[in-house]
Amino acid sequence: MTDLIAEAAALGVVLDAGAAARLEAFEALLADRAVPMGLVAESDADRIHDRHVLDCLRAAALVRPTDRTACDLGSGAGLPGLEIGRAHV
């Protein structure tokens, strides 16, 4: 968990332990459920953390606390919207 907190900080996103735990739980869910369902490519199964979680956190760094309206035009697996939301809870 401390690795994710540090990785997020390097991207300009401050995560507390709870947010990091939620992001890690969602990462596990993506591997367990989204890959078999075809929502995340099998070729990405070994790189969900870098390719999806950290990429979403890059976008989360651009969301300001005062932002109230957003459109999630992601892939259908909850990316990037759920990850951005978890980073800001």
C-alpha atoms as a PDB file:
ATOM      1  CA  MET A   1       0.000   0.000   0.000  1.00  0.00           C
ATOM      2  CA  THR A   2       2.839   2.401   0.780  1.00  0.00           C
ATOM      3  CA  ASP A   3       4.149   1.854  -2.758  1.00  0.00           C
ATOM      4  CA  LEU A   4       0.839   2.998  -4.239  1.00  0.00           C
ATOM      5  CA  ILE A   5       0.765   6.031  -1.941  1.00  0.00           C
ATOM      6  CA  ALA A   6       4.294   6.943  -3.051  1.00  0.00           C
ATOM      7  CA  GLU A   7       3.541   6.293  -6.726  1.00  0.00           C
ATOM      8  CA  ALA A   8       0.436   8.471  -6.504  1.00  0.00           C
ATOM      9  CA  ALA A   9       2.394  11.237  -4.789  1.00  0.00           C
ATOM     10  CA  ALA A  10       4.930  11.170  -7.634  1.00  0.00           C
ATOM     11  CA  LEU A  11       1.986  11.822  -9.997  1.00  0.00           C
ATOM     12  CA  GLY A  12       0.695  14.710  -7.868  1.00  0.00           C
ATOM     13  CA  VAL A  13      -2.114  12.778  -6.147  1.00  0.00           C
ATOM     14  CA  VAL A  14      -2.287  12.550  -2.364  1.00  0.00           C
ATOM     15  CA  LEU A  15      -3.803   9.254  -1.191  1.00  0.00           C
ATOM     16  CA  ASP A  16      -4.578   8.299   2.372  1.00  0.00           C
ATOM     17  CA  ALA A  17      -4.403   4.669   3.468  1.00  0.00           C
ATOM     18  CA  GLY A  18      -8.143   4.172   2.922  1.00  0.00           C
ATOM     19  CA  ALA A  19      -8.063   5.460  -0.658  1.00  0.00           C
ATOM     20  CA  ALA A  20      -5.007   3.337  -1.417  1.00  0.00           C
ATOM     21  CA  ALA A  21      -6.741   0.253  -0.004  1.00  0.00           C
ATOM     22  CA  ARG A  22      -9.830   0.928  -2.160  1.00  0.00           C
ATOM     23  CA  LEU A  23      -7.681   1.350  -5.265  1.00  0.00           C
ATOM     24  CA  GLU A  24      -5.813  -1.877  -4.536  1.00  0.00           C
ATOM     25  CA  ALA A  25      -9.079  -3.749  -3.979  1.00  0.00           C
ATOM     26  CA  PHE A  26     -10.409  -2.475  -7.305  1.00  0.00           C
ATOM     27  CA  GLU A  27      -7.167  -3.498  -9.005  1.00  0.00           C
ATOM     28  CA  ALA A  28      -7.655  -7.040  -7.680  1.00  0.00           C
ATOM     29  CA  LEU A  29     -11.273  -7.004  -8.845  1.00  0.00           C
ATOM     30  CA  LEU A  30     -10.175  -5.971 -12.336  1.00  0.00           C
ATOM     31  CA  ALA A  31      -7.741  -8.889 -12.471  1.00  0.00           C
ATOM     32  CA  ASP A  32     -10.243 -11.390 -11.075  1.00  0.00           C
ATOM     33  CA  ARG A  33     -13.377 -10.326 -12.929  1.00  0.00           C
ATOM     34  CA  ALA A  34     -12.797  -7.717 -15.654  1.00  0.00           C
ATOM     35  CA  VAL A  35     -10.112  -9.672 -17.513  1.00  0.00           C
ATOM     36  CA  PRO A  36     -12.213 -12.868 -17.811  1.00  0.00           C
ATOM     37  CA  MET A  37     -15.242 -10.790 -18.846  1.00  0.00           C
ATOM     38  CA  GLY A  38     -13.233  -9.057 -21.575  1.00  0.00           C
ATOM     39  CA  LEU A  39     -13.534  -5.598 -20.024  1.00  0.00           C
ATOM     40  CA  VAL A  40      -9.751  -5.483 -19.668  1.00  0.00           C
ATOM     41  CA  ALA A  41      -7.588  -7.161 -22.307  1.00  0.00           C
ATOM     42  CA  GLU A  42      -5.898 -10.424 -21.341  1.00  0.00           C
ATOM     43  CA  SER A  43      -2.654  -8.892 -22.589  1.00  0.00           C
ATOM     44  CA  ASP A  44      -3.015  -6.273 -19.824  1.00  0.00           C
ATOM     45  CA  ALA A  45      -3.575  -8.795 -17.014  1.00  0.00           C
ATOM     46  CA  ASP A  46       0.023  -8.589 -15.792  1.00  0.00           C
ATOM     47  CA  ARG A  47       0.187  -4.816 -16.060  1.00  0.00           C
ATOM     48  CA  ILE A  48      -3.121  -3.635 -14.637  1.00  0.00           C
ATOM     49  CA  HIS A  49      -1.327  -1.629 -11.973  1.00  0.00           C
ATOM     50  CA  ASP A  50       0.851   0.365 -14.368  1.00  0.00           C
ATOM     51  CA  ARG A  51      -1.388   0.449 -17.410  1.00  0.00           C
ATOM     52  CA  HIS A  52      -4.697   1.159 -15.713  1.00  0.00           C
ATOM     53  CA  VAL A  53      -4.404   2.204 -12.060  1.00  0.00           C
ATOM     54  CA  LEU A  54      -1.456   4.560 -12.452  1.00  0.00           C
ATOM     55  CA  ASP A  55      -2.737   5.907 -15.773  1.00  0.00           C
ATOM     56  CA  CYS A  56      -6.037   6.779 -14.082  1.00  0.00           C
ATOM     57  CA  LEU A  57      -4.174   8.486 -11.256  1.00  0.00           C
ATOM     58  CA  ARG A  58      -2.434  10.674 -13.836  1.00  0.00           C
ATOM     59  CA  ALA A  59      -5.891  11.936 -14.784  1.00  0.00           C
ATOM     60  CA  ALA A  60      -6.902  12.248 -11.124  1.00  0.00           C
ATOM     61  CA  ALA A  61      -4.085  14.737 -10.641  1.00  0.00           C
ATOM     62  CA  LEU A  62      -5.936  17.094 -13.006  1.00  0.00           C
ATOM     63  CA  VAL A  63      -9.238  16.971 -11.095  1.00  0.00           C
ATOM     64  CA  ARG A  64      -9.569  19.833  -8.641  1.00  0.00           C
ATOM     65  CA  PRO A  65     -11.514  19.533  -5.382  1.00  0.00           C
ATOM     66  CA  THR A  66     -13.922  22.183  -6.691  1.00  0.00           C
ATOM     67  CA  ASP A  67     -14.717  20.269  -9.898  1.00  0.00           C
ATOM     68  CA  ARG A  68     -18.287  18.978  -9.805  1.00  0.00           C
ATOM     69  CA  THR A  69     -19.022  17.850 -13.359  1.00  0.00           C
ATOM     70  CA  ALA A  70     -17.156  15.214 -15.342  1.00  0.00           C
ATOM     71  CA  CYS A  71     -17.777  12.690 -18.099  1.00  0.00           C
ATOM     72  CA  ASP A  72     -16.270   9.216 -17.910  1.00  0.00           C
ATOM     73  CA  LEU A  73     -15.729   8.043 -21.472  1.00  0.00           C
ATOM     74  CA  GLY A  74     -13.832   4.942 -20.405  1.00  0.00           C
ATOM     75  CA  SER A  75     -13.810   1.323 -21.456  1.00  0.00           C
ATOM     76  CA  GLY A  76     -16.740   0.016 -19.440  1.00  0.00           C
ATOM     77  CA  ALA A  77     -14.691  -1.534 -16.634  1.00  0.00           C
ATOM     78  CA  GLY A  78     -15.029   1.600 -14.524  1.00  0.00           C
ATOM     79  CA  LEU A  79     -11.848   3.167 -15.841  1.00  0.00           C
ATOM     80  CA  PRO A  80     -10.970   5.945 -15.397  1.00  0.00           C
ATOM     81  CA  GLY A  81     -14.021   7.210 -13.487  1.00  0.00           C
ATOM     82  CA  LEU A  82     -14.013   4.824 -10.535  1.00  0.00           C
ATOM     83  CA  GLU A  83     -10.267   5.169 -10.018  1.00  0.00           C
ATOM     84  CA  ILE A  84     -10.443   8.963 -10.139  1.00  0.00           C
ATOM     85  CA  GLY A  85     -13.369   8.896  -7.715  1.00  0.00           C
ATOM     86  CA  ARG A  86     -11.551   6.591  -5.302  1.00  0.00           C
ATOM     87  CA  ALA A  87      -8.521   8.877  -5.367  1.00  0.00           C
ATOM     88  CA  HIS A  88     -10.676  11.839  -4.349  1.00  0.00           C
ATOM     89  CA  VAL A  89     -12.836  10.243  -1.648  1.00  0.00           C
END
